Amino acid sequence: ANEIAASTSAGVKKANVVVKNASGLTVTVVSGTKSVTKVATSDSYKVSLTKLTAGKKTVKVYVNDVLVSSKSVTVKK
């Protein structure tokens, strides 16, 4: 099977995550007290965590409750 992977980038007041090879699995993106949980509908699934404040954030990505990525990004105003 292909390895599950996540790539994270920062946008304006948000973090964008693309999760690979996780179709049908539950994806949770967390930064501080904010989180979003979705079921991936494809093997290149995009999730955005919105309403973030500007500055450095650690964005963690979990797939079926397993941490697959933890990355520090700088969110823009």
Protein backbone atom coordinates (compact mmCIF):
# COMPACT_ATOMS: atom_id res chain seq x y z
CA ALA A 1 0.00 0.00 0.00
CA ASN A 2 1.09 3.56 -0.58
CA GLU A 3 2.24 5.45 2.47
CA ILE A 4 -0.09 8.02 3.99
CA ALA A 5 1.52 11.44 3.91
CA ALA A 6 0.47 15.02 4.54
CA SER A 7 1.85 18.30 3.29
CA THR A 8 0.99 21.55 5.07
CA SER A 9 1.20 25.11 3.84
CA ALA A 10 0.09 28.40 5.34
CA GLY A 11 -2.34 30.84 3.82
CA VAL A 12 -4.09 33.98 4.97
CA LYS A 13 -5.62 33.13 8.38
CA LYS A 14 -5.53 29.45 7.54
CA ALA A 15 -3.45 26.33 7.09
CA ASN A 16 -3.92 24.15 4.02
CA VAL A 17 -3.25 20.44 4.22
CA VAL A 18 -3.14 17.87 1.43
CA VAL A 19 -3.35 14.28 2.63
CA LYS A 20 -2.20 11.55 0.24
CA ASN A 21 -3.40 7.94 0.15
CA ALA A 22 -6.01 8.31 2.90
CA SER A 23 -9.24 7.87 0.94
CA GLY A 24 -12.04 6.68 3.23
CA LEU A 25 -10.05 7.41 6.39
CA THR A 26 -10.75 10.06 9.01
CA VAL A 27 -8.44 13.06 8.79
CA THR A 28 -8.08 15.50 11.70
CA VAL A 29 -6.09 18.74 11.42
CA VAL A 30 -5.22 20.48 14.70
CA SER A 31 -3.53 23.77 15.55
CA GLY A 32 -3.76 24.99 19.13
CA THR A 33 -7.42 24.89 20.18
CA LYS A 34 -8.74 24.75 16.61
CA SER A 35 -9.38 21.51 14.78
CA VAL A 36 -11.29 20.12 11.84
CA THR A 37 -12.20 16.50 11.18
CA LYS A 38 -13.25 15.16 7.78
CA VAL A 39 -13.42 11.83 6.02
CA ALA A 40 -11.09 11.90 3.02
CA THR A 41 -13.00 11.36 -0.21
CA SER A 42 -9.95 10.94 -2.42
CA ASP A 43 -6.28 9.96 -2.30
CA SER A 44 -5.24 13.59 -2.71
CA TYR A 45 -7.57 15.19 -0.19
CA LYS A 46 -7.45 18.88 0.78
CA VAL A 47 -8.42 20.18 4.21
CA SER A 48 -8.20 23.80 5.37
CA LEU A 49 -8.08 24.87 8.99
CA THR A 50 -9.54 28.40 8.96
CA LYS A 51 -9.85 31.38 11.31
CA LEU A 52 -6.29 31.06 12.56
CA THR A 53 -4.48 34.09 13.96
CA ALA A 54 -1.30 35.26 12.28
CA GLY A 55 2.07 33.95 13.42
CA LYS A 56 3.93 30.69 13.82
CA LYS A 57 1.64 27.69 14.30
CA THR A 58 2.28 24.01 14.75
CA VAL A 59 -0.16 22.12 12.54
CA LYS A 60 -0.68 18.45 13.34
CA VAL A 61 -2.36 16.02 10.98
CA TYR A 62 -3.88 12.79 12.24
CA VAL A 63 -5.26 9.97 10.09
CA ASN A 64 -7.48 7.55 12.01
CA ASP A 65 -6.03 9.05 15.22
CA VAL A 66 -2.42 8.36 14.19
CA LEU A 67 -0.13 11.39 13.88
CA VAL A 68 1.23 11.53 10.32
CA SER A 69 2.57 15.07 10.22
CA SER A 70 3.55 17.86 12.58
CA LYS A 71 4.83 21.01 10.92
CA SER A 72 5.46 24.58 11.98
CA VAL A 73 4.10 27.14 9.52
CA THR A 74 3.73 30.91 9.57
CA VAL A 75 0.13 32.00 9.04
CA LYS A 76 -0.31 35.33 7.25
CA LYS A 77 -2.62 38.14 8.30
